[in-house]
Amino acid sequence: MTTSHLPSLSAGLRKSPFRWRRKDTFQVRIAGLLSGFEKAAQETMDQLDRLSIAQEQLARHCQSCRSHSRLPEFARMFLSRPLVTIPMARQDLGVTAAAVDRMIRQLGPALPRELTGRDRYRAWGILGRLIE
């Protein structure tokens, strides 16, 4: 049994307007729970839409690169992980930190987004709302 659905359900229940009270009837509690599930499904579909748009944009950026370039592998890292750091990319791709920084600039200003707001230990991601 996997639990990968629990974070999205938790976020949906937090964004739902319903709050549990002891005096509510069983039907009201079930309706509130179902509204939370609906919010979770909406949020998940929105994230999937954002990911598909990001995947198209990254594919467009990688079309014009050379055949031995590591840029397509670097772009796939952003689609498979919520955030990417320079040491993580260095280790996975086998390139230098300067090369990772250059690839980030090469992807363009829209993708990826810098998530930490720091100068030193920076992390980038496609979906800025994943970290809350």
Protein backbone atom coordinates (compact mmCIF):
# COMPACT_ATOMS: atom_id res chain seq x y z
CA MET A 1 0.00 0.00 0.00
CA THR A 2 1.42 3.39 -1.00
CA THR A 3 0.72 6.68 0.74
CA SER A 4 1.63 9.08 -2.06
CA HIS A 5 -1.94 10.43 -2.15
CA LEU A 6 -1.91 11.63 1.48
CA PRO A 7 -0.13 15.00 0.97
CA SER A 8 -2.61 16.07 -1.71
CA LEU A 9 -5.56 14.96 0.43
CA SER A 10 -4.15 16.85 3.39
CA ALA A 11 -3.76 20.02 1.31
CA GLY A 12 -7.30 19.64 -0.03
CA LEU A 13 -8.76 19.21 3.44
CA ARG A 14 -6.89 22.29 4.68
CA LYS A 15 -8.22 24.39 1.79
CA SER A 16 -11.77 23.16 2.24
CA PRO A 17 -14.04 25.66 4.03
CA PHE A 18 -15.49 22.92 6.24
CA ARG A 19 -14.19 22.50 9.80
CA TRP A 20 -15.05 19.48 11.96
CA ARG A 21 -17.22 20.00 15.03
CA ARG A 22 -18.58 17.41 17.43
CA LYS A 23 -22.12 18.66 17.17
CA ASP A 24 -22.26 18.17 13.35
CA THR A 25 -24.28 15.25 12.11
CA PHE A 26 -22.72 12.33 10.29
CA GLN A 27 -24.11 13.54 6.95
CA VAL A 28 -22.60 17.02 7.42
CA ARG A 29 -19.22 15.49 8.29
CA ILE A 30 -19.29 13.23 5.23
CA ALA A 31 -20.26 16.18 3.00
CA GLY A 32 -17.36 18.19 4.43
CA LEU A 33 -14.95 15.31 3.87
CA LEU A 34 -16.14 14.95 0.28
CA SER A 35 -15.71 18.69 -0.32
CA GLY A 36 -12.12 18.33 0.91
CA PHE A 37 -11.60 15.45 -1.52
CA GLU A 38 -12.98 17.64 -4.30
CA LYS A 39 -10.56 20.45 -3.41
CA ALA A 40 -7.68 17.95 -3.38
CA ALA A 41 -8.65 16.68 -6.82
CA GLN A 42 -8.84 20.24 -8.16
CA GLU A 43 -5.42 21.12 -6.76
CA THR A 44 -3.88 17.94 -8.17
CA MET A 45 -5.35 18.58 -11.61
CA ASP A 46 -4.03 22.15 -11.52
CA GLN A 47 -0.55 20.87 -10.65
CA LEU A 48 -0.73 18.33 -13.47
CA ASP A 49 -1.70 21.09 -15.90
CA ARG A 50 1.24 23.21 -14.74
CA LEU A 51 3.58 20.24 -15.08
CA SER A 52 2.42 19.45 -18.61
CA ILE A 53 2.90 23.08 -19.67
CA ALA A 54 6.36 23.10 -18.07
CA GLN A 55 7.24 19.84 -19.82
CA GLU A 56 6.30 21.35 -23.19
CA GLN A 57 8.37 24.48 -22.51
CA LEU A 58 11.38 22.45 -21.38
CA ALA A 59 11.12 20.24 -24.46
CA ARG A 60 11.06 23.35 -26.65
CA HIS A 61 14.23 24.66 -24.98
CA CYS A 62 16.01 21.33 -25.41
CA GLN A 63 15.22 20.87 -29.12
CA SER A 64 17.99 23.16 -30.30
CA CYS A 65 20.76 21.79 -28.08
CA ARG A 66 23.56 19.54 -29.27
CA SER A 67 23.30 15.76 -29.22
CA HIS A 68 25.86 15.34 -26.42
CA SER A 69 24.35 18.08 -24.24
CA ARG A 70 23.24 17.27 -20.69
CA LEU A 71 20.45 19.87 -20.87
CA PRO A 72 17.64 17.35 -21.67
CA GLU A 73 18.67 15.20 -18.68
CA PHE A 74 18.78 18.31 -16.52
CA ALA A 75 15.28 19.27 -17.68
CA ARG A 76 13.99 15.77 -16.83
CA MET A 77 15.32 16.25 -13.29
CA PHE A 78 12.91 19.16 -12.80
CA LEU A 79 9.98 17.05 -13.93
CA SER A 80 10.84 14.13 -11.67
CA ARG A 81 11.69 16.04 -8.46
CA PRO A 82 9.97 18.86 -6.59
CA LEU A 83 13.24 20.75 -6.19
CA VAL A 84 16.75 20.55 -7.59
CA THR A 85 19.96 21.85 -6.02
CA ILE A 86 23.38 22.35 -7.60
CA PRO A 87 25.04 19.48 -5.67
CA MET A 88 22.19 17.15 -6.61
CA ALA A 89 22.47 18.03 -10.31
CA ARG A 90 26.27 17.81 -10.20
CA GLN A 91 26.15 14.31 -8.79
CA ASP A 92 23.41 13.01 -11.10
CA LEU A 93 24.76 14.53 -14.31
CA GLY A 94 28.48 14.32 -13.62
CA VAL A 95 29.16 17.97 -14.46
CA THR A 96 30.65 20.92 -12.58
CA ALA A 97 28.73 23.44 -10.50
CA ALA A 98 29.45 26.13 -13.09
CA ALA A 99 27.93 23.92 -15.79
CA VAL A 100 24.77 23.45 -13.71
CA ASP A 101 24.52 27.22 -13.18
CA ARG A 102 24.99 27.77 -16.92
CA MET A 103 22.25 25.22 -17.72
CA ILE A 104 19.85 26.99 -15.37
CA ARG A 105 20.47 30.28 -17.17
CA GLN A 106 20.11 28.47 -20.51
CA LEU A 107 16.61 27.23 -19.63
CA GLY A 108 15.33 30.77 -19.52
CA PRO A 109 13.80 33.15 -17.01
CA ALA A 110 10.43 31.43 -16.72
CA LEU A 111 11.75 27.97 -15.90
CA PRO A 112 12.90 26.94 -13.39
CA ARG A 113 11.97 29.16 -10.46
CA GLU A 114 14.37 29.81 -7.62
CA LEU A 115 12.58 28.64 -4.46
CA THR A 116 14.85 29.55 -1.55
CA GLY A 117 15.55 33.24 -2.11
CA ARG A 118 19.13 32.80 -0.96
CA ASP A 119 22.50 33.35 -2.58
CA ARG A 120 24.32 30.36 -1.21
CA TYR A 121 22.25 27.19 -0.82
CA ARG A 122 19.82 27.70 -3.66
CA ALA A 123 17.16 25.31 -4.90
CA TRP A 124 15.05 25.50 -8.05
CA GLY A 125 11.77 23.93 -8.98
CA ILE A 126 9.02 24.09 -11.54
CA LEU A 127 6.09 24.35 -9.16
CA GLY A 128 6.69 27.00 -6.55
CA ARG A 129 3.66 25.97 -4.50
CA LEU A 130 4.95 22.50 -3.68
CA ILE A 131 6.89 23.83 -0.73
CA GLU A 132 4.48 25.30 1.83
